[in-house]
Structures are given as C-alpha cells and as structure tokens.
All heavy atoms as atom14 arrays in JSON, in Angstrom:
{
  "sequence": "EQEQRCKAELTALQMQINPHFLYNTLSSIKYLAKQ",
  "atom14_mask": [
    [1, 1, 1, 1, 1, 1, 1, 1, 1, 0, 0, 0, 0, 0],
    [1, 1, 1, 1, 1, 1, 1, 1, 1, 0, 0, 0, 0, 0],
    [1, 1, 1, 1, 1, 1, 1, 1, 1, 0, 0, 0, 0, 0],
    [1, 1, 1, 1, 1, 1, 1, 1, 1, 0, 0, 0, 0, 0],
    [1, 1, 1, 1, 1, 1, 1, 1, 1, 1, 1, 0, 0, 0],
    [1, 1, 1, 1, 1, 1, 0, 0, 0, 0, 0, 0, 0, 0],
    [1, 1, 1, 1, 1, 1, 1, 1, 1, 0, 0, 0, 0, 0],
    [1, 1, 1, 1, 1, 0, 0, 0, 0, 0, 0, 0, 0, 0],
    [1, 1, 1, 1, 1, 1, 1, 1, 1, 0, 0, 0, 0, 0],
    [1, 1, 1, 1, 1, 1, 1, 1, 0, 0, 0, 0, 0, 0],
    [1, 1, 1, 1, 1, 1, 1, 0, 0, 0, 0, 0, 0, 0],
    [1, 1, 1, 1, 1, 0, 0, 0, 0, 0, 0, 0, 0, 0],
    [1, 1, 1, 1, 1, 1, 1, 1, 0, 0, 0, 0, 0, 0],
    [1, 1, 1, 1, 1, 1, 1, 1, 1, 0, 0, 0, 0, 0],
    [1, 1, 1, 1, 1, 1, 1, 1, 0, 0, 0, 0, 0, 0],
    [1, 1, 1, 1, 1, 1, 1, 1, 1, 0, 0, 0, 0, 0],
    [1, 1, 1, 1, 1, 1, 1, 1, 0, 0, 0, 0, 0, 0],
    [1, 1, 1, 1, 1, 1, 1, 1, 0, 0, 0, 0, 0, 0],
    [1, 1, 1, 1, 1, 1, 1, 0, 0, 0, 0, 0, 0, 0],
    [1, 1, 1, 1, 1, 1, 1, 1, 1, 1, 0, 0, 0, 0],
    [1, 1, 1, 1, 1, 1, 1, 1, 1, 1, 1, 0, 0, 0],
    [1, 1, 1, 1, 1, 1, 1, 1, 0, 0, 0, 0, 0, 0],
    [1, 1, 1, 1, 1, 1, 1, 1, 1, 1, 1, 1, 0, 0],
    [1, 1, 1, 1, 1, 1, 1, 1, 0, 0, 0, 0, 0, 0],
    [1, 1, 1, 1, 1, 1, 1, 0, 0, 0, 0, 0, 0, 0],
    [1, 1, 1, 1, 1, 1, 1, 1, 0, 0, 0, 0, 0, 0],
    [1, 1, 1, 1, 1, 1, 0, 0, 0, 0, 0, 0, 0, 0],
    [1, 1, 1, 1, 1, 1, 0, 0, 0, 0, 0, 0, 0, 0],
    [1, 1, 1, 1, 1, 1, 1, 1, 0, 0, 0, 0, 0, 0],
    [1, 1, 1, 1, 1, 1, 1, 1, 1, 0, 0, 0, 0, 0],
    [1, 1, 1, 1, 1, 1, 1, 1, 1, 1, 1, 1, 0, 0],
    [1, 1, 1, 1, 1, 1, 1, 1, 0, 0, 0, 0, 0, 0],
    [1, 1, 1, 1, 1, 0, 0, 0, 0, 0, 0, 0, 0, 0],
    [1, 1, 1, 1, 1, 1, 1, 1, 1, 0, 0, 0, 0, 0],
    [1, 1, 1, 1, 1, 1, 1, 1, 1, 0, 0, 0, 0, 0]
  ],
  "atom14_positions": [
    [[-15.58, 6.35, 5.76], [-14.68, 6.08, 4.63], [-13.41, 6.89, 4.7], [-12.32, 6.34, 4.43], [-15.41, 6.42, 3.3], [-16.54, 5.43, 2.95], [-17.29, 5.86, 1.73], [-16.93, 6.87, 1.11], [-18.3, 5.2, 1.37], [0.0, 0.0, 0.0], [0.0, 0.0, 0.0], [0.0, 0.0, 0.0], [0.0, 0.0, 0.0], [0.0, 0.0, 0.0]],
    [[-13.5, 8.15, 5.14], [-12.33, 8.98, 5.28], [-11.41, 8.43, 6.37], [-10.18, 8.39, 6.2], [-12.73, 10.39, 5.66], [-11.59, 11.38, 5.83], [-10.8, 11.65, 4.55], [-11.36, 11.4, 3.47], [-9.57, 12.08, 4.66], [0.0, 0.0, 0.0], [0.0, 0.0, 0.0], [0.0, 0.0, 0.0], [0.0, 0.0, 0.0], [0.0, 0.0, 0.0]],
    [[-12.0, 7.98, 7.49], [-11.18, 7.41, 8.57], [-10.48, 6.14, 8.11], [-9.3, 5.92, 8.41], [-12.07, 7.14, 9.78], [-12.56, 8.38, 10.49], [-13.51, 8.05, 11.63], [-13.99, 6.93, 11.69], [-13.75, 8.96, 12.47], [0.0, 0.0, 0.0], [0.0, 0.0, 0.0], [0.0, 0.0, 0.0], [0.0, 0.0, 0.0], [0.0, 0.0, 0.0]],
    [[-11.18, 5.29, 7.36], [-10.57, 4.06, 6.86], [-9.48, 4.35, 5.88], [-8.44, 3.68, 5.89], [-11.65, 3.18, 6.24], [-12.67, 2.6, 7.23], [-13.77, 1.85, 6.55], [-13.79, 1.65, 5.34], [-14.76, 1.41, 7.34], [0.0, 0.0, 0.0], [0.0, 0.0, 0.0], [0.0, 0.0, 0.0], [0.0, 0.0, 0.0], [0.0, 0.0, 0.0]],
    [[-9.69, 5.37, 5.02], [-8.68, 5.73, 4.04], [-7.42, 6.25, 4.71], [-6.3, 5.89, 4.37], [-9.22, 6.76, 3.07], [-8.21, 7.13, 1.94], [-8.95, 7.81, 0.79], [-9.68, 9.0, 1.22], [-11.0, 9.07, 1.24], [-11.72, 8.03, 0.9], [-11.6, 10.18, 1.61], [0.0, 0.0, 0.0], [0.0, 0.0, 0.0], [0.0, 0.0, 0.0]],
    [[-7.61, 7.11, 5.72], [-6.46, 7.67, 6.45], [-5.71, 6.55, 7.19], [-4.47, 6.54, 7.2], [-6.92, 8.72, 7.46], [-7.36, 10.31, 6.69], [0.0, 0.0, 0.0], [0.0, 0.0, 0.0], [0.0, 0.0, 0.0], [0.0, 0.0, 0.0], [0.0, 0.0, 0.0], [0.0, 0.0, 0.0], [0.0, 0.0, 0.0], [0.0, 0.0, 0.0]],
    [[-6.45, 5.6, 7.79], [-5.81, 4.51, 8.49], [-5.02, 3.65, 7.53], [-3.89, 3.22, 7.83], [-6.88, 3.66, 9.18], [-6.27, 2.52, 10.07], [-7.36, 1.82, 10.84], [-6.76, 0.74, 11.74], [-7.81, 0.01, 12.52], [0.0, 0.0, 0.0], [0.0, 0.0, 0.0], [0.0, 0.0, 0.0], [0.0, 0.0, 0.0], [0.0, 0.0, 0.0]],
    [[-5.57, 3.41, 6.32], [-4.86, 2.61, 5.31], [-3.58, 3.34, 4.87], [-2.55, 2.71, 4.67], [-5.77, 2.33, 4.13], [0.0, 0.0, 0.0], [0.0, 0.0, 0.0], [0.0, 0.0, 0.0], [0.0, 0.0, 0.0], [0.0, 0.0, 0.0], [0.0, 0.0, 0.0], [0.0, 0.0, 0.0], [0.0, 0.0, 0.0], [0.0, 0.0, 0.0]],
    [[-3.67, 4.65, 4.69], [-2.54, 5.42, 4.25], [-1.44, 5.43, 5.31], [-0.26, 5.26, 5.03], [-2.95, 6.88, 3.93], [-3.76, 6.98, 2.64], [-4.33, 8.37, 2.43], [-4.43, 9.13, 3.43], [-4.68, 8.69, 1.31], [0.0, 0.0, 0.0], [0.0, 0.0, 0.0], [0.0, 0.0, 0.0], [0.0, 0.0, 0.0], [0.0, 0.0, 0.0]],
    [[-1.85, 5.55, 6.57], [-0.9, 5.53, 7.69], [-0.2, 4.18, 7.74], [1.01, 4.1, 7.96], [-1.58, 5.85, 9.0], [-1.93, 7.32, 9.23], [-2.89, 7.45, 10.4], [-0.67, 8.14, 9.48], [0.0, 0.0, 0.0], [0.0, 0.0, 0.0], [0.0, 0.0, 0.0], [0.0, 0.0, 0.0], [0.0, 0.0, 0.0], [0.0, 0.0, 0.0]],
    [[-1.0, 3.11, 7.59], [-0.41, 1.77, 7.62], [0.62, 1.6, 6.47], [1.71, 1.07, 6.69], [-1.52, 0.7, 7.49], [-2.43, 0.87, 8.57], [-0.91, -0.7, 7.52], [0.0, 0.0, 0.0], [0.0, 0.0, 0.0], [0.0, 0.0, 0.0], [0.0, 0.0, 0.0], [0.0, 0.0, 0.0], [0.0, 0.0, 0.0], [0.0, 0.0, 0.0]],
    [[0.25, 2.06, 5.29], [1.15, 1.95, 4.16], [2.46, 2.73, 4.39], [3.55, 2.29, 4.08], [0.48, 2.45, 2.88], [0.0, 0.0, 0.0], [0.0, 0.0, 0.0], [0.0, 0.0, 0.0], [0.0, 0.0, 0.0], [0.0, 0.0, 0.0], [0.0, 0.0, 0.0], [0.0, 0.0, 0.0], [0.0, 0.0, 0.0], [0.0, 0.0, 0.0]],
    [[2.3, 3.92, 4.93], [3.47, 4.78, 5.21], [4.38, 4.13, 6.25], [5.6, 4.13, 6.12], [3.03, 6.16, 5.69], [2.4, 7.06, 4.62], [1.77, 8.28, 5.28], [3.44, 7.46, 3.62], [0.0, 0.0, 0.0], [0.0, 0.0, 0.0], [0.0, 0.0, 0.0], [0.0, 0.0, 0.0], [0.0, 0.0, 0.0], [0.0, 0.0, 0.0]],
    [[3.77, 3.55, 7.3], [4.58, 2.9, 8.33], [5.27, 1.66, 7.76], [6.41, 1.35, 8.14], [3.71, 2.54, 9.53], [4.55, 2.19, 10.75], [3.74, 2.28, 12.02], [2.57, 1.93, 12.05], [4.37, 2.71, 13.1], [0.0, 0.0, 0.0], [0.0, 0.0, 0.0], [0.0, 0.0, 0.0], [0.0, 0.0, 0.0], [0.0, 0.0, 0.0]],
    [[4.61, 0.94, 6.87], [5.23, -0.22, 6.25], [6.45, 0.19, 5.39], [7.35, -0.63, 5.19], [4.22, -0.97, 5.39], [3.19, -1.76, 6.2], [3.96, -2.95, 7.33], [4.66, -4.1, 6.14], [0.0, 0.0, 0.0], [0.0, 0.0, 0.0], [0.0, 0.0, 0.0], [0.0, 0.0, 0.0], [0.0, 0.0, 0.0], [0.0, 0.0, 0.0]],
    [[6.47, 1.43, 4.89], [7.64, 1.88, 4.19], [8.84, 2.01, 5.12], [9.96, 1.68, 4.75], [7.36, 3.26, 3.54], [6.4, 3.22, 2.35], [6.16, 4.62, 1.82], [6.65, 5.6, 2.36], [5.39, 4.68, 0.74], [0.0, 0.0, 0.0], [0.0, 0.0, 0.0], [0.0, 0.0, 0.0], [0.0, 0.0, 0.0], [0.0, 0.0, 0.0]],
    [[8.6, 2.49, 6.32], [9.71, 2.73, 7.24], [10.28, 1.39, 7.76], [11.46, 1.21, 7.84], [9.23, 3.56, 8.44], [9.47, 5.04, 8.15], [9.98, 3.21, 9.71], [9.29, 5.95, 9.3], [0.0, 0.0, 0.0], [0.0, 0.0, 0.0], [0.0, 0.0, 0.0], [0.0, 0.0, 0.0], [0.0, 0.0, 0.0], [0.0, 0.0, 0.0]],
    [[9.43, 0.42, 8.11], [9.91, -0.78, 8.74], [10.94, -1.56, 7.91], [12.0, -1.89, 8.41], [8.75, -1.67, 9.15], [7.93, -1.1, 10.28], [8.44, -0.3, 11.03], [6.69, -1.47, 10.38], [0.0, 0.0, 0.0], [0.0, 0.0, 0.0], [0.0, 0.0, 0.0], [0.0, 0.0, 0.0], [0.0, 0.0, 0.0], [0.0, 0.0, 0.0]],
    [[10.69, -1.84, 6.63], [11.69, -2.53, 5.82], [12.97, -1.7, 5.7], [14.07, -2.24, 5.75], [11.03, -2.73, 4.48], [9.57, -2.68, 4.76], [9.43, -1.68, 5.88], [0.0, 0.0, 0.0], [0.0, 0.0, 0.0], [0.0, 0.0, 0.0], [0.0, 0.0, 0.0], [0.0, 0.0, 0.0], [0.0, 0.0, 0.0], [0.0, 0.0, 0.0]],
    [[12.82, -0.4, 5.51], [13.98, 0.5, 5.37], [14.9, 0.35, 6.59], [16.11, 0.21, 6.47], [13.49, 1.93, 5.22], [14.58, 2.95, 5.19], [15.49, 3.06, 4.18], [14.93, 3.91, 6.07], [16.32, 4.05, 4.42], [16.01, 4.57, 5.57], [0.0, 0.0, 0.0], [0.0, 0.0, 0.0], [0.0, 0.0, 0.0], [0.0, 0.0, 0.0]],
    [[14.32, 0.36, 7.76], [15.08, 0.23, 9.01], [15.68, -1.19, 9.16], [16.84, -1.37, 9.51], [14.19, 0.56, 10.2], [14.79, 0.15, 11.52], [15.88, 0.8, 12.03], [14.24, -0.92, 12.21], [16.43, 0.43, 13.27], [14.77, -1.32, 13.44], [15.87, -0.64, 13.94], [0.0, 0.0, 0.0], [0.0, 0.0, 0.0], [0.0, 0.0, 0.0]],
    [[14.86, -2.18, 8.84], [15.32, -3.56, 9.02], [16.48, -3.91, 8.1], [17.42, -4.59, 8.54], [14.13, -4.52, 8.75], [13.08, -4.6, 9.84], [11.91, -5.48, 9.36], [13.66, -5.19, 11.11], [0.0, 0.0, 0.0], [0.0, 0.0, 0.0], [0.0, 0.0, 0.0], [0.0, 0.0, 0.0], [0.0, 0.0, 0.0], [0.0, 0.0, 0.0]],
    [[16.43, -3.44, 6.88], [17.54, -3.74, 5.94], [18.85, -3.21, 6.5], [19.89, -3.91, 6.46], [17.27, -3.14, 4.57], [16.04, -3.66, 3.9], [15.34, -2.87, 2.97], [15.57, -4.94, 4.13], [14.2, -3.38, 2.34], [14.44, -5.43, 3.5], [13.76, -4.64, 2.61], [12.64, -5.11, 1.97], [0.0, 0.0, 0.0], [0.0, 0.0, 0.0]],
    [[18.83, -1.98, 7.01], [20.07, -1.38, 7.54], [20.57, -2.13, 8.78], [21.76, -2.34, 8.96], [19.84, 0.1, 7.87], [19.69, 0.95, 6.64], [20.22, 0.59, 5.55], [18.99, 2.06, 6.73], [0.0, 0.0, 0.0], [0.0, 0.0, 0.0], [0.0, 0.0, 0.0], [0.0, 0.0, 0.0], [0.0, 0.0, 0.0], [0.0, 0.0, 0.0]],
    [[19.61, -2.51, 9.63], [20.01, -3.22, 10.86], [20.57, -4.59, 10.56], [21.59, -4.99, 11.15], [18.79, -3.36, 11.8], [18.25, -2.08, 12.04], [19.19, -4.0, 13.12], [0.0, 0.0, 0.0], [0.0, 0.0, 0.0], [0.0, 0.0, 0.0], [0.0, 0.0, 0.0], [0.0, 0.0, 0.0], [0.0, 0.0, 0.0], [0.0, 0.0, 0.0]],
    [[19.97, -5.3, 9.67], [20.46, -6.63, 9.28], [21.83, -6.53, 8.62], [22.68, -7.41, 8.82], [19.46, -7.33, 8.39], [18.13, -7.74, 9.05], [17.16, -8.32, 8.04], [18.37, -8.77, 10.17], [0.0, 0.0, 0.0], [0.0, 0.0, 0.0], [0.0, 0.0, 0.0], [0.0, 0.0, 0.0], [0.0, 0.0, 0.0], [0.0, 0.0, 0.0]],
    [[22.06, -5.47, 7.91], [23.39, -5.25, 7.31], [24.43, -5.05, 8.42], [25.58, -5.55, 8.3], [23.38, -4.02, 6.41], [22.57, -4.21, 5.28], [0.0, 0.0, 0.0], [0.0, 0.0, 0.0], [0.0, 0.0, 0.0], [0.0, 0.0, 0.0], [0.0, 0.0, 0.0], [0.0, 0.0, 0.0], [0.0, 0.0, 0.0], [0.0, 0.0, 0.0]],
    [[24.05, -4.36, 9.47], [24.96, -4.16, 10.6], [25.31, -5.52, 11.28], [26.46, -5.77, 11.59], [24.33, -3.24, 11.66], [24.11, -1.95, 11.11], [0.0, 0.0, 0.0], [0.0, 0.0, 0.0], [0.0, 0.0, 0.0], [0.0, 0.0, 0.0], [0.0, 0.0, 0.0], [0.0, 0.0, 0.0], [0.0, 0.0, 0.0], [0.0, 0.0, 0.0]],
    [[24.3, -6.34, 11.5], [24.49, -7.62, 12.12], [25.41, -8.5, 11.24], [26.31, -9.21, 11.71], [23.17, -8.31, 12.41], [22.37, -7.53, 13.46], [23.36, -9.76, 12.87], [20.96, -7.98, 13.68], [0.0, 0.0, 0.0], [0.0, 0.0, 0.0], [0.0, 0.0, 0.0], [0.0, 0.0, 0.0], [0.0, 0.0, 0.0], [0.0, 0.0, 0.0]],
    [[25.18, -8.46, 9.93], [26.0, -9.22, 9.0], [27.48, -8.76, 9.06], [28.38, -9.62, 9.1], [25.46, -9.02, 7.57], [26.25, -9.79, 6.5], [25.66, -9.56, 5.13], [26.46, -10.29, 4.05], [25.89, -10.02, 2.68], [0.0, 0.0, 0.0], [0.0, 0.0, 0.0], [0.0, 0.0, 0.0], [0.0, 0.0, 0.0], [0.0, 0.0, 0.0]],
    [[27.65, -7.47, 9.15], [29.03, -6.93, 9.25], [29.71, -7.41, 10.52], [30.86, -7.84, 10.52], [28.97, -5.4, 9.22], [30.28, -4.74, 9.55], [31.29, -4.65, 8.61], [30.49, -4.21, 10.82], [32.5, -4.03, 8.91], [31.68, -3.6, 11.15], [32.71, -3.53, 10.2], [33.88, -2.94, 10.51], [0.0, 0.0, 0.0], [0.0, 0.0, 0.0]],
    [[29.01, -7.33, 11.64], [29.55, -7.77, 12.92], [29.89, -9.27, 12.91], [30.9, -9.69, 13.44], [28.57, -7.48, 14.07], [28.34, -6.04, 14.43], [27.2, -5.91, 15.42], [29.58, -5.4, 15.0], [0.0, 0.0, 0.0], [0.0, 0.0, 0.0], [0.0, 0.0, 0.0], [0.0, 0.0, 0.0], [0.0, 0.0, 0.0], [0.0, 0.0, 0.0]],
    [[29.02, -10.05, 12.32], [29.27, -11.51, 12.25], [30.53, -11.77, 11.45], [31.32, -12.65, 11.83], [28.05, -12.17, 11.63], [0.0, 0.0, 0.0], [0.0, 0.0, 0.0], [0.0, 0.0, 0.0], [0.0, 0.0, 0.0], [0.0, 0.0, 0.0], [0.0, 0.0, 0.0], [0.0, 0.0, 0.0], [0.0, 0.0, 0.0], [0.0, 0.0, 0.0]],
    [[30.7, -11.08, 10.35], [31.93, -11.25, 9.53], [33.17, -10.91, 10.32], [34.24, -11.5, 10.12], [31.83, -10.43, 8.27], [30.88, -10.97, 7.22], [30.94, -10.13, 5.95], [30.07, -10.75, 4.86], [30.1, -9.91, 3.62], [0.0, 0.0, 0.0], [0.0, 0.0, 0.0], [0.0, 0.0, 0.0], [0.0, 0.0, 0.0], [0.0, 0.0, 0.0]],
    [[33.05, -9.91, 11.2], [34.17, -9.5, 12.03], [34.34, -10.36, 13.28], [35.22, -10.15, 14.08], [33.99, -8.02, 12.45], [33.96, -7.05, 11.31], [35.3, -6.93, 10.63], [36.34, -6.87, 11.27], [35.28, -6.89, 9.29], [0.0, 0.0, 0.0], [0.0, 0.0, 0.0], [0.0, 0.0, 0.0], [0.0, 0.0, 0.0], [0.0, 0.0, 0.0]]
  ]
}
C-alpha cells in the first residue's frame, strides 16, 4: 500500500510539471508563428 501510495503521489507530482512546461512552450510557438 505504501509503494502504491508513493507511486500515485509521484505520478500526480509529475503531472503538475508537464502541463506547466507545455503551456509555456506552446506560448513560445504561438509567438513565433505570429512573427
């Protein structure tokens, strides 16, 4: 149960990073396209 809980927490934490990074990157691509 502890291993499963830790794995779930790690997955949740990593999911926090991915959207944060993607939003910034897509904003960069949008800026370049406008230019």
